[in-house]
N, C-alpha and C. Protein backbone atom coordinates (compact mmCIF):
# COMPACT_ATOMS: atom_id res chain seq x y z
N HIS A 1 44.33 116.31 107.58
CA HIS A 1 45.31 115.24 107.88
C HIS A 1 46.59 115.92 108.51
N HIS A 2 47.21 115.09 109.49
CA HIS A 2 48.55 115.56 110.14
C HIS A 2 49.55 115.18 109.01
N PRO A 3 50.68 115.86 108.97
CA PRO A 3 51.73 115.44 108.10
C PRO A 3 52.27 114.08 108.36
N LEU A 4 52.23 113.64 109.62
CA LEU A 4 52.72 112.31 109.87
C LEU A 4 51.96 111.18 109.60
N ASP A 5 50.58 111.41 109.42
CA ASP A 5 49.62 110.40 109.13
C ASP A 5 49.98 109.39 108.11
N ALA A 6 50.52 109.95 106.95
CA ALA A 6 50.92 109.11 105.73
C ALA A 6 52.09 108.15 106.32
N HIS A 7 53.05 108.64 107.07
CA HIS A 7 54.08 107.75 107.54
C HIS A 7 53.64 106.71 108.50
N TYR A 8 52.73 107.18 109.32
CA TYR A 8 52.18 106.00 110.22
C TYR A 8 51.45 105.02 109.52
N ALA A 9 50.72 105.26 108.36
CA ALA A 9 49.94 104.44 107.50
C ALA A 9 50.94 103.54 106.86
N LEU A 10 52.03 104.04 106.42
CA LEU A 10 52.95 103.19 105.78
C LEU A 10 53.61 102.17 106.74
N GLY A 11 53.80 102.58 107.99
CA GLY A 11 54.24 101.58 108.93
C GLY A 11 53.16 100.43 109.13
N LYS A 12 51.95 100.75 109.18
CA LYS A 12 50.88 99.81 109.25
C LYS A 12 50.99 98.86 108.18
N THR A 13 51.19 99.40 106.90
CA THR A 13 51.18 98.50 105.66
C THR A 13 52.51 97.54 105.85
N VAL A 14 53.63 98.11 106.40
CA VAL A 14 54.77 97.29 106.45
C VAL A 14 54.48 96.21 107.43
N MET A 15 53.79 96.47 108.51
CA MET A 15 53.59 95.37 109.37
C MET A 15 52.57 94.24 108.86
N GLU A 16 51.67 94.74 108.02
CA GLU A 16 50.71 93.83 107.41
C GLU A 16 51.58 92.83 106.51
N ILE A 17 52.49 93.31 105.81
CA ILE A 17 53.49 92.51 104.93
C ILE A 17 54.17 91.52 105.90
N ILE A 18 54.68 92.06 106.92
CA ILE A 18 55.51 91.22 107.87
C ILE A 18 54.60 90.05 108.40
N MET A 19 53.43 90.49 108.85
CA MET A 19 52.52 89.49 109.45
C MET A 19 52.10 88.49 108.52
N GLY A 20 52.09 88.70 107.21
CA GLY A 20 51.83 87.71 106.25
C GLY A 20 52.97 86.73 105.79
N SER A 21 54.13 86.87 106.39
CA SER A 21 55.26 86.18 106.15
C SER A 21 55.53 85.23 107.41
N ALA A 22 56.07 84.09 107.05
CA ALA A 22 56.57 83.16 108.04
C ALA A 22 57.91 83.50 108.63
N LYS A 23 58.62 84.43 107.98
CA LYS A 23 59.93 84.83 108.46
C LYS A 23 59.92 85.70 109.61
N ARG A 24 61.12 85.72 110.31
CA ARG A 24 61.30 86.66 111.42
C ARG A 24 61.87 87.94 110.99
N PHE A 25 61.43 89.06 111.65
CA PHE A 25 61.92 90.36 111.03
C PHE A 25 62.41 91.13 112.29
N GLY A 26 63.28 92.07 112.09
CA GLY A 26 63.76 93.03 112.99
C GLY A 26 63.59 94.34 112.26
N ILE A 27 63.10 95.38 112.88
CA ILE A 27 62.93 96.67 112.32
C ILE A 27 63.94 97.69 112.93
N ILE A 28 64.62 98.35 112.16
CA ILE A 28 65.46 99.48 112.60
C ILE A 28 64.99 100.78 112.16
N ALA A 29 64.74 101.76 113.10
CA ALA A 29 64.44 103.11 112.70
C ALA A 29 65.55 104.08 113.14
N SER A 30 65.98 104.81 112.20
CA SER A 30 67.07 105.95 112.51
C SER A 30 66.52 107.18 112.50
N ALA A 31 66.46 107.90 113.65
CA ALA A 31 65.92 109.37 113.69
C ALA A 31 66.55 110.27 114.57
N GLU A 32 66.90 111.46 114.06
CA GLU A 32 67.55 112.45 114.88
C GLU A 32 66.51 113.36 115.54
N LEU A 33 66.68 113.65 116.81
CA LEU A 33 65.71 114.40 117.53
C LEU A 33 66.05 115.88 117.28
N THR A 34 65.82 116.66 118.37
CA THR A 34 66.01 118.11 118.12
C THR A 34 67.39 118.47 117.68
N HIS A 35 67.48 119.55 116.99
CA HIS A 35 68.70 120.23 116.61
C HIS A 35 69.02 121.55 117.35
N ASP A 36 68.07 121.83 118.37
CA ASP A 36 68.10 123.04 119.05
C ASP A 36 68.33 122.63 120.66
N LYS A 37 69.72 122.86 121.01
CA LYS A 37 70.02 122.63 122.38
C LYS A 37 69.12 123.17 123.49
N GLU A 38 68.52 124.35 123.15
CA GLU A 38 67.56 124.99 124.09
C GLU A 38 66.11 124.17 124.16
N ASP A 39 65.90 123.35 123.24
CA ASP A 39 64.70 122.55 123.17
C ASP A 39 64.66 121.21 123.63
N LYS A 40 65.40 120.81 124.57
CA LYS A 40 65.40 119.48 125.08
C LYS A 40 64.02 119.01 125.49
N ALA A 41 63.18 119.98 125.96
CA ALA A 41 61.84 119.55 126.28
C ALA A 41 61.07 118.85 125.10
N PHE A 42 61.50 119.14 123.96
CA PHE A 42 60.79 118.52 122.73
C PHE A 42 61.29 117.13 122.75
N ASP A 43 62.66 116.89 122.95
CA ASP A 43 63.07 115.42 122.90
C ASP A 43 62.33 114.63 124.16
N ASP A 44 62.25 115.26 125.28
CA ASP A 44 61.55 114.69 126.42
C ASP A 44 60.15 114.30 126.13
N ARG A 45 59.43 115.20 125.44
CA ARG A 45 58.21 114.86 124.91
C ARG A 45 58.08 113.60 123.97
N ILE A 46 59.02 113.57 123.00
CA ILE A 46 59.08 112.41 122.01
C ILE A 46 59.41 111.16 122.81
N ILE A 47 60.30 111.14 123.87
CA ILE A 47 60.69 110.07 124.53
C ILE A 47 59.43 109.58 125.41
N ALA A 48 58.66 110.51 126.03
CA ALA A 48 57.59 110.07 126.87
C ALA A 48 56.46 109.39 125.88
N VAL A 49 56.26 109.76 124.72
CA VAL A 49 55.51 109.19 123.79
C VAL A 49 55.97 107.74 123.60
N LEU A 50 57.29 107.55 123.32
CA LEU A 50 57.91 106.22 122.84
C LEU A 50 57.76 105.21 124.00
N GLN A 51 57.71 105.82 125.20
CA GLN A 51 57.85 104.94 126.44
C GLN A 51 56.55 104.09 126.60
N SER A 52 55.57 104.42 126.05
CA SER A 52 54.22 103.80 126.29
C SER A 52 53.50 103.21 125.03
N ASP A 53 53.21 101.93 124.89
CA ASP A 53 52.61 101.41 123.90
C ASP A 53 51.14 101.96 123.68
N GLU A 54 50.61 102.53 124.84
CA GLU A 54 49.35 103.18 124.78
C GLU A 54 49.21 104.57 124.27
N LYS A 55 50.55 105.20 124.17
CA LYS A 55 50.61 106.54 123.70
C LYS A 55 51.25 106.78 122.25
N ALA A 56 51.48 105.69 121.51
CA ALA A 56 52.11 105.71 120.38
C ALA A 56 51.63 106.84 119.42
N LYS A 57 50.10 106.74 119.23
CA LYS A 57 49.49 107.62 118.37
C LYS A 57 49.58 109.11 118.87
N ASP A 58 50.13 109.39 119.94
CA ASP A 58 50.33 110.71 120.44
C ASP A 58 51.40 111.36 119.55
N LEU A 59 52.32 110.72 119.06
CA LEU A 59 53.31 111.18 118.06
C LEU A 59 52.72 112.00 116.99
N LEU A 60 51.51 111.54 116.59
CA LEU A 60 50.84 112.13 115.51
C LEU A 60 50.20 113.37 115.81
N THR A 61 50.11 113.85 117.25
CA THR A 61 49.57 115.02 117.65
C THR A 61 50.56 116.16 117.73
N ILE A 62 51.85 115.88 117.43
CA ILE A 62 52.81 116.95 117.40
C ILE A 62 52.73 117.83 116.25
N SER A 63 52.53 119.08 116.51
CA SER A 63 52.24 120.01 115.47
C SER A 63 53.48 120.26 114.49
N ASP A 64 53.15 120.52 113.23
CA ASP A 64 54.01 120.82 112.29
C ASP A 64 55.02 121.96 112.72
N GLY A 65 54.34 122.87 113.48
CA GLY A 65 55.05 124.12 113.91
C GLY A 65 56.17 123.62 114.88
N ASP A 66 55.78 122.78 115.79
CA ASP A 66 56.78 122.36 116.90
C ASP A 66 57.91 121.50 116.10
N GLN A 67 57.47 120.59 115.24
CA GLN A 67 58.59 119.99 114.49
C GLN A 67 59.66 120.94 113.86
N LYS A 68 59.09 121.95 113.08
CA LYS A 68 60.01 122.83 112.48
C LYS A 68 60.88 123.69 113.46
N LYS A 69 60.23 124.16 114.63
CA LYS A 69 60.86 124.83 115.59
C LYS A 69 62.06 124.11 116.18
N SER A 70 61.89 122.88 116.43
CA SER A 70 63.04 122.11 117.02
C SER A 70 63.91 121.49 115.98
N ASN A 71 63.44 121.60 114.65
CA ASN A 71 64.23 121.16 113.57
C ASN A 71 64.48 119.67 113.67
N ALA A 72 63.46 118.91 114.33
CA ALA A 72 63.61 117.45 114.51
C ALA A 72 63.16 116.79 113.14
N CYS A 73 64.20 116.37 112.44
CA CYS A 73 63.71 115.37 111.23
C CYS A 73 63.49 114.01 111.51
N GLY A 74 63.45 113.55 112.75
CA GLY A 74 63.27 112.17 112.90
C GLY A 74 61.91 111.68 113.28
N LEU A 75 60.95 112.68 113.11
CA LEU A 75 59.67 112.26 113.56
C LEU A 75 58.99 111.37 112.29
N ARG A 76 59.42 111.59 111.19
CA ARG A 76 58.80 110.71 110.06
C ARG A 76 59.23 109.17 110.26
N PRO A 77 60.52 108.90 110.47
CA PRO A 77 60.91 107.46 110.55
C PRO A 77 60.24 106.87 111.88
N LEU A 78 60.06 107.71 112.92
CA LEU A 78 59.40 107.32 114.21
C LEU A 78 58.03 107.06 114.03
N ALA A 79 57.38 107.88 113.11
CA ALA A 79 55.84 107.74 112.89
C ALA A 79 55.72 106.38 112.17
N ILE A 80 56.64 106.06 111.28
CA ILE A 80 56.63 104.74 110.38
C ILE A 80 56.62 103.56 111.53
N LEU A 81 57.76 103.69 112.44
CA LEU A 81 57.93 102.72 113.49
C LEU A 81 56.60 102.62 114.37
N MET A 82 56.10 103.64 114.64
CA MET A 82 54.86 103.54 115.62
C MET A 82 53.69 102.88 114.90
N GLY A 83 53.64 103.16 113.34
CA GLY A 83 52.70 102.40 112.62
C GLY A 83 52.93 100.95 112.60
N VAL A 84 54.24 100.49 112.47
CA VAL A 84 54.56 99.09 112.50
C VAL A 84 54.22 98.42 113.74
N LEU A 85 54.38 99.23 114.77
CA LEU A 85 54.03 98.74 116.24
C LEU A 85 52.54 98.87 116.64
N ASN A 86 51.88 99.60 115.74
CA ASN A 86 50.32 99.80 115.96
C ASN A 86 49.67 98.58 116.72
N ASP A 87 49.00 98.87 117.70
CA ASP A 87 48.24 97.89 118.33
C ASP A 87 48.90 96.68 118.95
N LEU A 88 50.25 96.76 118.94
CA LEU A 88 50.92 95.61 119.49
C LEU A 88 51.58 96.08 120.89
N PRO A 89 51.37 95.25 121.87
CA PRO A 89 52.18 95.72 123.19
C PRO A 89 53.54 95.46 123.01
N TRP A 90 54.36 96.56 123.50
CA TRP A 90 55.82 96.46 123.55
C TRP A 90 56.39 97.04 124.92
N GLN A 91 57.63 96.62 125.14
CA GLN A 91 58.44 97.20 126.23
C GLN A 91 59.56 98.13 125.58
N TYR A 92 59.54 99.36 126.03
CA TYR A 92 60.53 100.39 125.60
C TYR A 92 61.72 100.19 126.54
N ASN A 93 62.96 100.25 125.96
CA ASN A 93 64.12 100.14 126.83
C ASN A 93 65.07 101.29 126.19
N GLN A 94 65.28 102.17 126.96
CA GLN A 94 66.14 103.43 126.48
C GLN A 94 67.56 102.96 126.82
N LEU A 95 68.46 102.80 125.85
CA LEU A 95 69.74 102.47 125.97
C LEU A 95 70.79 103.65 126.18
N SER A 96 70.35 104.66 125.62
CA SER A 96 71.10 106.00 125.79
C SER A 96 70.43 107.12 125.19
N TYR A 97 70.80 108.29 125.74
CA TYR A 97 70.21 109.69 125.17
C TYR A 97 71.28 110.59 125.51
N GLU A 98 71.77 111.35 124.50
CA GLU A 98 72.64 112.54 124.71
C GLU A 98 72.39 113.48 123.70
N TYR A 99 72.86 114.75 123.97
CA TYR A 99 72.80 115.83 123.02
C TYR A 99 74.22 116.07 122.66
N ALA A 100 74.61 115.61 121.32
CA ALA A 100 75.88 115.61 120.81
C ALA A 100 75.89 116.14 119.32
N TYR A 101 76.85 116.82 118.86
CA TYR A 101 77.00 117.09 117.43
C TYR A 101 75.66 117.89 116.99
N ASN A 102 75.22 118.78 117.87
CA ASN A 102 74.03 119.57 117.67
C ASN A 102 72.66 118.77 117.26
N ARG A 103 72.62 117.58 117.99
CA ARG A 103 71.40 116.83 117.81
C ARG A 103 71.20 115.97 119.01
N GLY A 104 69.89 115.75 119.22
CA GLY A 104 69.45 114.84 120.23
C GLY A 104 69.62 113.39 119.73
N LEU A 105 70.30 112.68 120.48
CA LEU A 105 70.54 111.32 119.94
C LEU A 105 70.05 110.29 120.86
N LEU A 106 69.04 109.54 120.54
CA LEU A 106 68.31 108.47 121.29
C LEU A 106 68.65 107.08 120.73
N VAL A 107 68.91 106.16 121.59
CA VAL A 107 69.14 104.72 121.16
C VAL A 107 68.13 104.06 122.15
N ALA A 108 67.28 103.34 121.48
CA ALA A 108 66.26 102.61 122.36
C ALA A 108 65.97 101.28 121.47
N GLU A 109 65.37 100.29 122.33
CA GLU A 109 64.77 99.09 121.48
C GLU A 109 63.38 98.98 122.04
N PHE A 110 62.66 98.40 121.15
CA PHE A 110 61.22 98.05 121.42
C PHE A 110 61.20 96.57 121.45
N VAL A 111 60.82 95.94 122.48
CA VAL A 111 60.72 94.40 122.44
C VAL A 111 59.09 94.19 122.54
N LEU A 112 58.70 93.37 121.69
CA LEU A 112 57.36 92.96 121.71
C LEU A 112 56.98 92.01 123.00
N LYS A 113 55.95 92.33 123.63
CA LYS A 113 55.60 91.56 124.88
C LYS A 113 54.92 90.29 124.23
N ASN A 114 54.97 89.28 124.96
CA ASN A 114 54.18 87.97 124.58
C ASN A 114 52.78 88.11 124.77
């Protein structure tokens, strides 16, 4: 198993609970990307996965070694978010990205398609 599999499964469980409720929900995931200014390609890779509802599970293919190399601690909450969004079509809207404070900082919203 990949280290992120359990987090993805947790997201799927969260979504099952949400779908069983008549209430409306909003999900917020907070995640820092790379802590290595020289590894912006890692952030670009993560953003490319997040941009497509068909590629969400590609997040789970990122090796543990790549995670450690970039020191990106945010993949776990993103895996949970991808589990929540599992099999749902969404629109990705990137609001901002910057490398500041020794971290890749991404702000995006995922809007469910009708």
